[in-house]
């Protein structure tokens, strides 16, 4: 999908409110990937991505921007927490696991694409097999000979889902789980040691037609896919299009202190992340992957530490710094109404299952937004996540009383919000929803 930077921002606007600077930066980074791909190979090799650091409080859209960006173009994407590498300690060799996870993600994406291409062919084979099985069952039950017309009727019924809940017994491959020789490294299966000398094990399972079709379809599609080709394309896509989001990077900054204890561990993790970001080769079970052209987006609140507390070499590998602002009342109003996945729409859909028809008045939305802004200002600023806290308190009784017995209209207006989120209750009751 070759979207212009403006089109990318427009797509992000559907899910994330505000943060124009951050959206602009990631849109340019994504478009530059397309521009690079159109250049001759010798020029492509010289151009590396400009990695980004997002600085801002929690809940303002840092992770969501990166996630939506990857989803927009179908790029392999993973999110990792920088703090998890401090558990490894000073050595911190586990940082390579982020690259292996990215390759796994790429393999899954490519495999799904290839399965879709062969789905029709595989489905036709599976349906023929199921029709034969059902015809044989009918023959055994009724003493009838399965003729063409009889099978045609079964095929039509199968297509319409008449047999979905009928239980049959099928043979499926019994694949033993492969063992890893080393964490994240090559895997080995006992069966593969002897190659084709031993017949592949099968086992019988009793399943409904619906479940059996899904299992047989996956098995049949797997036969039609070239695994080596999938792995090669996955490695290429992870190298050239992969996006790694490193969250909580501020937690591994050394805070400009004395340089002992935990700070040694934090700096050790930074130095271990450095070669991955700079460009190195990591060995995975699918083959080796170069990290030179992977786009890294780091994020952190940087309340205690500063971006300048990161080691200079790592700072140099993240040349673009964007600051995300705290959310205002107007932002909260837009989040509640303008986004495709607005939380008000989510609760309306959720409670409609039990017959409660929710509707929100404009002044109620204003009141909810105002409450969220006040709480972020007076307590911890947790950004848009504050709306989950507010909405749970607001709709607690409605959610509890909705039981699916009949349809009931529930209008959430300013008075309703004021009663539920009164100033004396606000500070006390909402604490139970905050972990």
Protein backbone atom coordinates (compact mmCIF):
# COMPACT_ATOMS: atom_id res chain seq x y z
CA UNK A 1 0.00 0.00 0.00
CA UNK A 2 1.78 3.13 -1.24
CA UNK A 3 0.18 5.84 0.88
CA UNK A 4 1.45 9.41 0.92
CA UNK A 5 2.42 10.91 4.31
CA UNK A 6 -0.84 12.90 4.34
CA UNK A 7 -2.89 9.75 3.68
CA UNK A 8 -1.04 7.90 6.45
CA UNK A 9 -1.85 10.69 8.92
CA UNK A 10 -5.51 10.65 7.80
CA UNK A 11 -5.67 6.91 8.53
CA UNK A 12 -4.04 7.36 11.95
CA UNK A 13 -6.51 10.17 12.75
CA UNK A 14 -9.32 7.61 12.67
CA UNK A 15 -7.93 5.95 15.80
CA UNK A 16 -5.63 8.47 17.52
CA UNK A 17 -6.59 12.01 18.52
CA UNK A 18 -4.04 14.86 18.37
CA UNK A 19 -0.28 14.21 18.47
CA UNK A 20 0.20 15.74 15.00
CA UNK A 21 4.00 15.93 15.34
CA UNK A 22 4.38 12.24 16.17
CA UNK A 23 2.02 11.18 13.36
CA UNK A 24 3.91 13.36 10.89
CA UNK A 25 7.26 11.83 11.93
CA UNK A 26 6.10 8.21 11.57
CA UNK A 27 4.29 8.97 8.30
CA UNK A 28 7.51 10.36 6.81
CA UNK A 29 9.49 7.36 8.11
CA UNK A 30 7.01 4.97 6.50
CA UNK A 31 6.94 6.84 3.18
CA UNK A 32 10.75 6.93 3.11
CA UNK A 33 10.68 3.13 3.13
CA UNK A 34 8.64 3.14 -0.06
CA UNK A 35 10.90 5.79 -1.61
CA UNK A 36 13.96 3.70 -0.72
CA UNK A 37 12.44 0.57 -2.27
CA UNK A 38 12.14 2.37 -5.63
CA UNK A 39 15.88 3.14 -5.83
CA UNK A 40 18.60 1.03 -7.48
CA UNK A 41 20.10 -1.66 -5.18
CA UNK A 42 23.44 0.15 -4.71
CA UNK A 43 21.64 3.29 -3.48
CA UNK A 44 19.14 1.31 -1.37
CA UNK A 45 21.98 -0.25 0.62
CA UNK A 46 23.27 3.19 1.63
CA UNK A 47 19.96 4.45 3.06
CA UNK A 48 18.98 3.35 6.57
CA UNK A 49 15.78 4.22 8.47
CA UNK A 50 15.74 7.27 10.76
CA UNK A 51 14.68 5.79 14.10
CA UNK A 52 12.30 7.71 16.35
CA UNK A 53 11.99 8.36 20.08
CA UNK A 54 8.52 9.32 21.33
CA UNK A 55 8.51 11.21 24.61
CA UNK A 56 5.28 11.68 26.50
CA UNK A 57 3.12 10.50 29.42
CA UNK A 58 1.40 7.12 29.38
CA UNK A 59 -1.90 6.71 27.56
CA UNK A 60 -1.45 9.49 24.97
CA UNK A 61 -1.07 7.20 21.95
CA UNK A 62 2.62 6.24 21.63
CA UNK A 63 2.09 2.48 21.27
CA UNK A 64 -1.14 2.91 19.32
CA UNK A 65 0.56 5.09 16.69
CA UNK A 66 3.25 2.44 16.07
CA UNK A 67 0.77 -0.46 16.11
CA UNK A 68 -1.68 1.20 13.71
CA UNK A 69 1.20 2.21 11.44
CA UNK A 70 2.34 -1.41 11.07
CA UNK A 71 -1.24 -2.64 10.58
CA UNK A 72 -1.78 -0.03 7.87
CA UNK A 73 0.88 -1.51 5.61
CA UNK A 74 0.83 -5.13 6.85
CA UNK A 75 4.41 -4.86 8.12
CA UNK A 76 5.85 -7.29 10.68
CA UNK A 77 5.52 -5.52 14.04
CA UNK A 78 6.42 -6.38 17.61
CA UNK A 79 6.37 -4.44 20.85
CA UNK A 80 8.96 -5.11 23.54
CA UNK A 81 9.49 -3.63 26.98
CA UNK A 82 13.06 -2.38 27.48
CA UNK A 83 12.74 -3.17 31.21
CA UNK A 84 12.52 -6.92 30.57
CA UNK A 85 16.15 -6.94 29.47
CA UNK A 86 17.29 -5.57 32.84
CA UNK A 87 16.21 -8.91 34.33
CA UNK A 88 18.99 -10.54 32.32
CA UNK A 89 21.36 -8.21 34.12
CA UNK A 90 24.69 -6.82 33.06
CA UNK A 91 25.27 -9.38 30.28
CA UNK A 92 21.86 -8.78 28.66
CA UNK A 93 22.38 -11.11 25.68
CA UNK A 94 18.65 -11.77 25.54
CA UNK A 95 18.11 -8.58 23.48
CA UNK A 96 18.44 -10.66 20.30
CA UNK A 97 15.11 -12.28 21.16
CA UNK A 98 13.32 -9.17 19.84
CA UNK A 99 14.66 -9.91 16.35
CA UNK A 100 13.65 -13.57 16.57
CA UNK A 101 10.15 -12.51 17.63
CA UNK A 102 9.97 -10.15 14.64
CA UNK A 103 10.92 -12.99 12.26
CA UNK A 104 8.24 -15.23 13.83
CA UNK A 105 5.71 -12.45 13.22
CA UNK A 106 6.87 -12.12 9.59
CA UNK A 107 6.61 -15.89 9.03
CA UNK A 108 3.05 -15.86 10.37
CA UNK A 109 2.09 -12.92 8.10
CA UNK A 110 3.57 -14.49 4.95
CA UNK A 111 2.07 -17.90 5.74
CA UNK A 112 -1.40 -16.37 6.18
CA UNK A 113 -1.06 -14.64 2.79
CA UNK A 114 0.04 -17.85 1.04
CA UNK A 115 -2.76 -19.87 2.69
CA UNK A 116 -5.34 -17.39 1.34
CA UNK A 117 -3.98 -17.91 -2.17
CA UNK A 118 -4.36 -21.70 -2.02
CA UNK A 119 -7.50 -21.72 0.15
CA UNK A 120 -9.88 -22.30 -2.74
CA UNK A 121 -7.89 -25.24 -4.14
CA UNK A 122 -7.37 -26.76 -0.67
CA UNK A 123 -11.05 -26.21 0.20
CA UNK A 124 -12.18 -28.04 -2.94
CA UNK A 125 -9.99 -31.05 -2.04
CA UNK A 126 -11.23 -31.10 1.57
CA UNK A 127 -14.89 -30.81 0.56
CA UNK A 128 -14.53 -33.74 -1.87
CA UNK A 129 -12.98 -35.80 0.90
CA UNK A 130 -15.75 -34.93 3.36
CA UNK A 131 -18.47 -35.70 0.79
CA UNK A 132 -16.98 -39.17 0.22
CA UNK A 133 -16.82 -39.80 3.96
CA UNK A 134 -20.42 -38.68 4.53
CA UNK A 135 -21.61 -40.76 1.59
CA UNK A 136 -19.87 -43.84 3.02
CA UNK A 137 -21.50 -43.20 6.42
CA UNK A 138 -24.93 -42.93 4.74
CA UNK A 139 -24.23 -46.14 2.79
CA UNK A 140 -23.33 -48.00 6.00
CA UNK A 141 -26.39 -46.64 7.83
CA UNK A 142 -28.97 -47.16 5.10
CA UNK A 143 -27.42 -49.85 2.95
CA UNK A 144 -27.49 -47.50 -0.03
CA UNK A 145 -24.88 -47.28 -2.78
CA UNK A 146 -23.35 -43.79 -2.94
CA UNK A 147 -24.23 -42.67 -6.44
CA UNK A 148 -23.29 -39.37 -8.12
CA UNK A 149 -26.66 -37.80 -7.46
CA UNK A 150 -26.49 -38.86 -3.81
CA UNK A 151 -23.02 -37.26 -3.43
CA UNK A 152 -24.22 -34.12 -5.21
CA UNK A 153 -26.98 -33.72 -2.60
CA UNK A 154 -24.45 -34.15 0.22
CA UNK A 155 -22.10 -31.62 -1.41
CA UNK A 156 -24.95 -29.09 -1.58
CA UNK A 157 -25.87 -29.73 2.07
CA UNK A 158 -22.23 -29.42 3.10
CA UNK A 159 -21.96 -26.05 1.35
CA UNK A 160 -25.07 -24.78 3.14
CA UNK A 161 -23.82 -25.96 6.54
CA UNK A 162 -26.46 -28.68 7.11
CA UNK A 163 -23.82 -31.12 8.37
CA UNK A 164 -21.74 -28.69 10.49
CA UNK A 165 -22.60 -30.38 13.80
CA UNK A 166 -22.39 -33.98 12.60
CA UNK A 167 -19.52 -35.88 14.28
CA UNK A 168 -17.11 -37.89 12.16
CA UNK A 169 -13.81 -39.66 12.81
CA UNK A 170 -10.82 -38.53 10.76
CA UNK A 171 -7.12 -39.31 10.48
CA UNK A 172 -4.89 -36.33 11.25
CA UNK A 173 -1.13 -35.93 11.35
CA UNK A 174 0.37 -36.48 14.78
CA UNK A 175 3.27 -34.07 14.73
CA UNK A 176 5.44 -34.18 17.84
CA UNK A 177 6.39 -30.77 19.14
CA UNK A 178 9.92 -29.90 18.02
CA UNK A 179 12.55 -29.34 20.69
CA UNK A 180 14.79 -26.28 20.74
CA UNK A 181 18.49 -27.04 20.85
CA UNK A 182 18.97 -23.60 22.41
CA UNK A 183 16.52 -20.79 23.26
CA UNK A 184 15.47 -19.02 20.06
CA UNK A 185 17.83 -21.20 18.03
CA UNK A 186 17.38 -24.19 15.76
CA UNK A 187 14.62 -26.69 16.45
CA UNK A 188 14.82 -30.42 15.91
CA UNK A 189 12.09 -33.05 15.65
CA UNK A 190 12.86 -36.71 16.39
CA UNK A 191 10.96 -37.73 13.25
CA UNK A 192 13.08 -35.46 11.05
CA UNK A 193 16.31 -37.21 12.16
CA UNK A 194 15.30 -40.27 10.16
CA UNK A 195 13.72 -38.28 7.32
CA UNK A 196 11.38 -40.40 5.22
CA UNK A 197 12.69 -43.71 6.59
CA UNK A 198 9.83 -43.79 9.09
CA UNK A 199 6.20 -43.32 8.03
CA UNK A 200 4.51 -40.19 9.38
CA UNK A 201 2.38 -40.94 12.43
CA UNK A 202 -1.36 -40.38 12.19
CA UNK A 203 -4.01 -40.44 14.87
CA UNK A 204 -7.78 -40.69 14.83
CA UNK A 205 -9.91 -37.86 16.19
CA UNK A 206 -13.65 -37.44 16.55
CA UNK A 207 -14.70 -33.97 15.43
CA UNK A 208 -17.72 -32.14 14.07
CA UNK A 209 -17.71 -31.52 10.32
CA UNK A 210 -17.10 -27.82 10.98
CA UNK A 211 -14.03 -28.52 13.16
CA UNK A 212 -12.78 -31.29 10.84
CA UNK A 213 -12.97 -29.02 7.80
CA UNK A 214 -10.89 -26.35 9.53
CA UNK A 215 -8.24 -28.91 10.55
CA UNK A 216 -8.12 -30.63 7.15
CA UNK A 217 -8.03 -27.27 5.37
CA UNK A 218 -4.95 -26.21 7.35
CA UNK A 219 -3.31 -29.58 6.63
CA UNK A 220 -4.12 -29.44 2.90
CA UNK A 221 -3.04 -25.79 2.53
CA UNK A 222 0.24 -26.66 4.28
CA UNK A 223 0.97 -29.24 1.55
CA UNK A 224 0.45 -26.63 -1.18
CA UNK A 225 2.79 -24.05 0.39
CA UNK A 226 6.54 -23.99 -0.22
CA UNK A 227 7.93 -23.59 3.31
CA UNK A 228 11.41 -22.54 2.12
CA UNK A 229 9.86 -19.81 0.01
CA UNK A 230 7.77 -18.65 3.00
CA UNK A 231 10.86 -18.46 5.22
CA UNK A 232 12.88 -16.56 2.62
CA UNK A 233 10.11 -14.01 2.08
CA UNK A 234 9.60 -13.67 5.86
CA UNK A 235 13.29 -12.93 6.42
CA UNK A 236 13.25 -10.38 3.56
CA UNK A 237 10.12 -8.71 4.91
CA UNK A 238 11.42 -8.58 8.50
CA UNK A 239 14.69 -7.03 7.27
CA UNK A 240 13.20 -4.48 4.89
CA UNK A 241 9.78 -3.69 6.40
CA UNK A 242 9.97 -4.76 10.06
CA UNK A 243 9.03 -2.31 12.84
CA UNK A 244 10.16 -2.84 16.43
CA UNK A 245 8.56 -0.71 19.14
CA UNK A 246 10.74 -0.49 22.27
CA UNK A 247 8.59 0.78 25.14
CA UNK A 248 9.74 2.04 28.55
CA UNK A 249 13.14 3.04 27.17
CA UNK A 250 13.34 5.77 29.81
CA UNK A 251 13.54 3.04 32.49
CA UNK A 252 16.96 1.94 31.20
CA UNK A 253 18.36 5.50 31.17
CA UNK A 254 21.00 5.99 33.87
CA UNK A 255 19.47 9.23 35.31
CA UNK A 256 22.87 10.89 35.45
CA UNK A 257 23.70 9.35 38.84
CA UNK A 258 26.84 7.87 40.35
CA UNK A 259 27.03 4.94 37.93
CA UNK A 260 26.81 2.07 40.42
CA UNK A 261 24.31 -0.67 41.21
CA UNK A 262 21.23 -0.67 39.00
CA UNK A 263 22.68 1.97 36.70
CA UNK A 264 25.41 -0.46 35.64
CA UNK A 265 22.68 -2.94 34.63
CA UNK A 266 20.69 -0.24 32.81
CA UNK A 267 23.72 0.96 30.88
CA UNK A 268 24.61 -2.66 30.10
CA UNK A 269 21.20 -3.17 28.51
CA UNK A 270 21.62 0.02 26.47
CA UNK A 271 24.97 -1.20 25.18
CA UNK A 272 23.46 -4.57 24.26
CA UNK A 273 20.54 -2.95 22.41
CA UNK A 274 23.00 -0.67 20.56
CA UNK A 275 24.44 -3.22 18.05
CA UNK A 276 20.90 -4.40 17.21
CA UNK A 277 19.84 -0.83 16.39
CA UNK A 278 23.15 0.03 14.68
CA UNK A 279 22.92 -3.00 12.42
CA UNK A 280 24.09 -6.54 13.05
CA UNK A 281 23.32 -10.11 11.97
CA UNK A 282 21.15 -12.26 14.22
CA UNK A 283 20.79 -16.01 13.69
CA UNK A 284 17.27 -17.44 13.87
CA UNK A 285 15.81 -20.87 13.12
CA UNK A 286 14.62 -19.50 9.75
CA UNK A 287 18.03 -18.16 8.74
CA UNK A 288 20.21 -15.15 9.50
CA UNK A 289 18.70 -11.65 9.45
CA UNK A 290 20.39 -8.26 9.14
CA UNK A 291 18.95 -5.57 11.41
CA UNK A 292 20.32 -2.57 9.46
CA UNK A 293 17.03 -1.64 7.80
CA UNK A 294 14.53 -2.41 10.56
CA UNK A 295 12.68 0.70 11.80
CA UNK A 296 12.99 1.14 15.57
CA UNK A 297 10.51 3.33 17.42
CA UNK A 298 11.33 3.86 21.11
CA UNK A 299 9.02 5.43 23.66
CA UNK A 300 9.06 6.54 27.26
CA UNK A 301 7.51 9.03 29.66
CA UNK A 302 10.92 10.43 30.72
CA UNK A 303 9.46 11.82 33.98
CA UNK A 304 12.52 11.02 36.10
CA UNK A 305 15.25 10.56 33.52
CA UNK A 306 15.83 12.59 30.34
CA UNK A 307 16.50 11.51 26.77
CA UNK A 308 20.01 12.92 27.25
CA UNK A 309 20.60 10.34 30.03
CA UNK A 310 20.72 7.58 27.41
CA UNK A 311 24.27 6.74 26.29
CA UNK A 312 25.36 9.05 23.42
CA UNK A 313 25.78 6.19 20.94
CA UNK A 314 22.17 5.07 21.46
CA UNK A 315 20.88 8.66 21.24
CA UNK A 316 22.69 8.99 17.93
CA UNK A 317 20.79 6.01 16.56
CA UNK A 318 17.45 7.72 17.31
CA UNK A 319 17.88 11.03 15.47
CA UNK A 320 14.18 11.97 15.54
CA UNK A 321 12.65 13.04 18.87
CA UNK A 322 8.94 13.84 19.05
CA UNK A 323 7.09 15.00 22.16
CA UNK A 324 3.52 13.92 22.75
CA UNK A 325 1.38 16.29 24.79
CA UNK A 326 -0.98 15.43 27.64
CA UNK A 327 -4.61 15.11 26.58
CA UNK A 328 -6.98 18.04 27.07
CA UNK A 329 -10.76 18.11 27.57
CA UNK A 330 -11.26 18.70 23.82
CA UNK A 331 -9.08 15.69 23.06
CA UNK A 332 -11.16 13.53 25.39
CA UNK A 333 -14.39 14.72 23.69
CA UNK A 334 -12.96 13.68 20.30
CA UNK A 335 -11.74 10.34 21.68
CA UNK A 336 -15.26 9.67 22.99
CA UNK A 337 -16.99 10.55 19.72
CA UNK A 338 -14.72 10.88 16.68
CA UNK A 339 -12.55 7.75 16.63
CA UNK A 340 -13.62 4.54 14.86
CA UNK A 341 -13.10 2.54 18.06
CA UNK A 342 -14.56 5.13 20.49
CA UNK A 343 -15.12 3.73 23.98
CA UNK A 344 -18.74 5.01 23.98
CA UNK A 345 -19.41 2.88 20.86
CA UNK A 346 -17.75 -0.11 22.53
CA UNK A 347 -20.00 0.11 25.60
CA UNK A 348 -23.09 0.69 23.42
CA UNK A 349 -22.33 -2.48 21.44
CA UNK A 350 -21.44 -4.45 24.56
CA UNK A 351 -24.62 -3.63 26.49
CA UNK A 352 -26.87 -4.02 23.44
CA UNK A 353 -26.26 -7.78 23.81
CA UNK A 354 -28.32 -7.65 27.03
CA UNK A 355 -30.98 -5.31 25.62
CA UNK A 356 -29.71 -2.01 27.08
CA UNK A 357 -29.82 0.66 24.34
CA UNK A 358 -27.28 3.27 25.44
CA UNK A 359 -27.27 6.81 24.10
CA UNK A 360 -25.03 9.69 25.18
CA UNK A 361 -26.06 13.35 25.04
CA UNK A 362 -23.55 16.02 24.02
CA UNK A 363 -23.47 17.58 27.51
CA UNK A 364 -22.82 14.13 29.01
CA UNK A 365 -19.79 13.68 26.75
CA UNK A 366 -18.52 17.11 27.82
CA UNK A 367 -18.98 16.19 31.49
CA UNK A 368 -17.16 12.84 31.09
CA UNK A 369 -14.28 14.57 29.28
CA UNK A 370 -14.07 17.22 31.98
CA UNK A 371 -13.98 14.57 34.74
CA UNK A 372 -11.18 12.67 32.95
CA UNK A 373 -9.12 15.86 32.50
CA UNK A 374 -9.56 16.86 36.17
CA UNK A 375 -8.52 13.45 37.42
CA UNK A 376 -5.42 13.35 35.22
CA UNK A 377 -4.49 16.81 36.52
CA UNK A 378 -5.01 15.99 40.21
CA UNK A 379 -3.89 12.35 40.28
CA UNK A 380 -1.46 10.42 38.08
CA UNK A 381 -1.69 11.39 34.39
CA UNK A 382 -2.62 8.13 32.66
CA UNK A 383 -3.90 9.73 29.46
CA UNK A 384 -6.78 8.13 27.55
CA UNK A 385 -6.74 5.12 29.89
CA UNK A 386 -8.47 7.40 32.40
CA UNK A 387 -11.62 7.12 30.28
CA UNK A 388 -11.84 3.40 31.06
CA UNK A 389 -11.80 4.27 34.75
CA UNK A 390 -14.49 6.93 34.35
CA UNK A 391 -16.73 4.83 32.09
CA UNK A 392 -16.60 1.79 34.37
CA UNK A 393 -17.74 3.88 37.33
CA UNK A 394 -20.36 5.67 35.25
CA UNK A 395 -21.95 2.52 33.82
CA UNK A 396 -21.42 0.16 36.75
CA UNK A 397 -25.10 -0.03 37.74
CA UNK A 398 -26.31 -0.15 34.11
CA UNK A 399 -23.93 -3.05 33.38
CA UNK A 400 -24.99 -4.86 36.55
CA UNK A 401 -28.74 -4.50 35.94
CA UNK A 402 -28.72 -5.41 32.24
CA UNK A 403 -29.81 -9.04 32.11
CA UNK A 404 -31.14 -9.60 28.60
CA UNK A 405 -34.83 -9.57 29.61
CA UNK A 406 -36.34 -7.18 27.10
CA UNK A 407 -35.05 -3.98 25.55
CA UNK A 408 -34.54 -0.90 27.66
CA UNK A 409 -33.40 2.55 26.53
CA UNK A 410 -30.77 4.17 28.77
CA UNK A 411 -30.00 7.85 28.19
CA UNK A 412 -26.71 9.10 29.65
CA UNK A 413 -27.10 12.86 30.12
CA UNK A 414 -25.26 15.53 32.11
CA UNK A 415 -27.40 14.95 35.22
CA UNK A 416 -26.70 11.18 35.13
CA UNK A 417 -22.94 11.83 34.85
CA UNK A 418 -22.97 14.44 37.62
CA UNK A 419 -24.76 12.05 39.99
CA UNK A 420 -22.36 9.20 39.28
CA UNK A 421 -19.19 11.28 39.19
CA UNK A 422 -19.94 13.84 41.88
CA UNK A 423 -16.86 15.72 43.10
CA UNK A 424 -17.00 14.11 46.54
CA UNK A 425 -17.25 10.58 45.04
CA UNK A 426 -14.77 11.10 42.24
CA UNK A 427 -11.61 11.01 44.29
CA UNK A 428 -12.72 8.09 46.47
CA UNK A 429 -14.66 5.61 44.36
CA UNK A 430 -12.58 5.67 41.20
CA UNK A 431 -9.49 4.48 43.05
CA UNK A 432 -10.81 0.91 43.01
CA UNK A 433 -10.54 0.84 39.21
CA UNK A 434 -6.89 1.91 39.16
CA UNK A 435 -4.30 -0.82 39.56
